[in-house]
N, C-alpha and C. Protein backbone atom coordinates (compact mmCIF):
# COMPACT_ATOMS: atom_id res chain seq x y z
N UNK A 1 5.95 5.12 17.10
CA UNK A 1 7.84 6.14 16.16
C UNK A 1 6.90 5.24 14.75
N UNK A 2 8.11 5.65 13.51
CA UNK A 2 7.83 5.07 12.23
C UNK A 2 9.45 5.62 12.39
N UNK A 3 9.83 4.08 12.66
CA UNK A 3 11.63 4.45 12.26
C UNK A 3 12.06 3.97 10.31
N UNK A 4 11.73 3.13 9.34
CA UNK A 4 11.59 3.75 8.35
C UNK A 4 10.45 2.58 7.43
N UNK A 5 10.59 2.24 5.26
CA UNK A 5 9.76 2.74 5.29
C UNK A 5 10.63 1.61 4.17
N UNK A 6 8.97 0.56 4.22
CA UNK A 6 9.53 -0.35 3.08
C UNK A 6 8.45 -0.34 2.14
N UNK A 7 9.03 -0.49 0.45
CA UNK A 7 7.89 -0.41 -0.04
C UNK A 7 8.24 -1.24 -1.37
N UNK A 8 7.04 -1.84 -1.51
CA UNK A 8 7.70 -3.94 -2.74
C UNK A 8 6.23 -3.61 -4.03
N UNK A 9 6.60 -4.06 -4.68
CA UNK A 9 5.92 -4.14 -6.11
C UNK A 9 5.03 -5.21 -5.97
N UNK A 10 3.97 -5.12 -6.66
CA UNK A 10 3.26 -6.28 -6.93
C UNK A 10 2.22 -6.26 -8.72
N UNK A 11 1.54 -7.50 -9.16
CA UNK A 11 1.56 -6.31 -10.10
C UNK A 11 -0.24 -6.53 -10.41
N UNK A 12 -0.94 -7.17 -9.30
CA UNK A 12 -2.04 -7.29 -9.09
C UNK A 12 -2.38 -6.59 -7.66
N UNK A 13 -2.50 -4.48 -7.63
CA UNK A 13 -2.52 -4.74 -6.29
C UNK A 13 -4.01 -4.59 -5.40
N UNK A 14 -4.73 -4.22 -6.32
CA UNK A 14 -6.47 -3.76 -5.40
C UNK A 14 -6.53 -5.10 -4.74
N UNK A 15 -5.68 -6.95 -4.38
CA UNK A 15 -6.11 -7.87 -4.67
C UNK A 15 -6.12 -6.99 -2.77
N UNK A 16 -4.68 -6.14 -3.36
CA UNK A 16 -4.14 -6.51 -1.97
C UNK A 16 -5.30 -5.17 -0.71
N UNK A 17 -5.74 -4.35 -0.72
CA UNK A 17 -6.87 -3.99 -0.74
C UNK A 17 -7.89 -4.59 0.06
N UNK A 18 -7.99 -5.83 -0.29
CA UNK A 18 -9.30 -6.87 0.07
C UNK A 18 -8.98 -6.99 1.68
N UNK A 19 -9.74 -6.97 3.13
CA UNK A 19 -9.82 -6.68 4.66
C UNK A 19 -9.00 -6.66 5.10
N UNK A 20 -8.11 -4.59 4.44
CA UNK A 20 -7.06 -3.87 5.82
C UNK A 20 -7.40 -3.35 5.51
N UNK A 21 -7.45 -2.59 6.93
CA UNK A 21 -7.14 -1.34 6.93
C UNK A 21 -6.40 -0.12 5.79
N UNK A 22 -7.69 0.23 4.57
CA UNK A 22 -6.50 0.95 3.52
C UNK A 22 -6.32 2.21 4.14
N UNK A 23 -5.49 2.97 3.67
CA UNK A 23 -5.11 4.00 4.64
C UNK A 23 -5.20 5.14 3.00
N UNK A 24 -4.64 4.46 1.46
CA UNK A 24 -4.52 5.71 0.48
C UNK A 24 -5.10 4.30 -0.50
N UNK A 25 -6.36 4.16 -1.17
CA UNK A 25 -6.74 3.09 -2.51
C UNK A 25 -6.09 2.94 -3.28
N UNK A 26 -6.25 2.03 -3.77
CA UNK A 26 -5.11 2.13 -4.69
C UNK A 26 -5.35 3.53 -5.99
N UNK A 27 -5.17 3.54 -6.74
CA UNK A 27 -4.88 5.13 -7.41
C UNK A 27 -3.64 4.89 -9.15
N UNK A 28 -3.38 5.18 -9.69
CA UNK A 28 -2.51 5.00 -11.10
C UNK A 28 -2.30 6.51 -10.43
N UNK A 29 -0.93 6.65 -10.39
CA UNK A 29 -0.23 7.47 -10.86
C UNK A 29 -0.13 7.92 -12.66
N UNK A 30 0.36 9.39 -12.66
CA UNK A 30 0.66 9.13 -13.81
C UNK A 30 2.11 9.25 -15.24
N UNK A 31 3.04 8.03 -13.89
CA UNK A 31 4.01 7.68 -14.71
C UNK A 31 3.19 6.51 -14.87
N UNK A 32 1.79 5.42 -14.67
CA UNK A 32 1.03 4.82 -15.32
C UNK A 32 1.32 3.74 -13.80
N UNK A 33 1.67 3.57 -12.40
CA UNK A 33 1.99 2.59 -11.68
C UNK A 33 0.37 3.15 -11.16
N UNK A 34 0.40 2.37 -10.04
CA UNK A 34 -0.65 2.17 -9.34
C UNK A 34 -0.30 1.47 -8.04
N UNK A 35 -0.70 2.07 -7.10
CA UNK A 35 -0.38 2.06 -5.49
C UNK A 35 -0.76 2.81 -5.11
N UNK A 36 -1.06 1.93 -3.47
CA UNK A 36 -1.99 2.20 -2.83
C UNK A 36 -0.64 1.79 -1.14
N UNK A 37 -1.85 1.63 0.05
CA UNK A 37 -0.61 1.67 1.15
C UNK A 37 -1.45 1.40 2.72
N UNK A 38 -1.23 0.77 3.11
CA UNK A 38 -2.43 0.62 4.31
C UNK A 38 -2.01 -0.34 5.72
N UNK A 39 -2.34 -0.86 6.62
CA UNK A 39 -1.92 -0.58 8.14
C UNK A 39 -1.62 -2.63 7.37
N UNK A 40 -0.30 -2.56 8.68
CA UNK A 40 -0.42 -4.04 8.93
C UNK A 40 -1.57 -4.01 10.53
N UNK A 41 -1.55 -5.51 11.01
CA UNK A 41 -2.14 -6.12 12.12
C UNK A 41 -1.50 -4.37 13.46
N UNK A 42 0.11 -5.10 12.87
CA UNK A 42 0.64 -3.24 14.11
C UNK A 42 1.08 -2.58 13.76
N UNK A 43 -0.01 -1.53 12.98
CA UNK A 43 0.44 -0.46 12.55
C UNK A 43 1.05 0.34 12.25
N UNK A 44 2.53 -0.54 11.30
CA UNK A 44 2.91 -0.10 10.21
C UNK A 44 2.43 -0.33 9.09
N UNK A 45 3.07 0.60 7.93
CA UNK A 45 2.50 1.41 6.84
C UNK A 45 3.09 0.64 5.91
N UNK A 46 2.82 -0.47 5.34
CA UNK A 46 3.16 -1.23 4.03
C UNK A 46 2.71 0.15 2.95
N UNK A 47 3.57 0.88 2.48
CA UNK A 47 3.07 0.94 0.95
C UNK A 47 3.00 -0.30 -1.20
N UNK A 48 2.51 -0.05 -1.80
CA UNK A 48 2.70 -0.82 -3.01
C UNK A 48 2.92 0.58 -3.90
């Protein structure tokens, strides 16, 4: 059961994709942000 979400910001989101189970690979949004999401070891969804 997912209870909540956390959104974090970084200047180099591509480095975060290394060595994790990626849900959504880094993608540039129309407004200029680059976002991605992945699972942490406890299967929580992390979104950058």
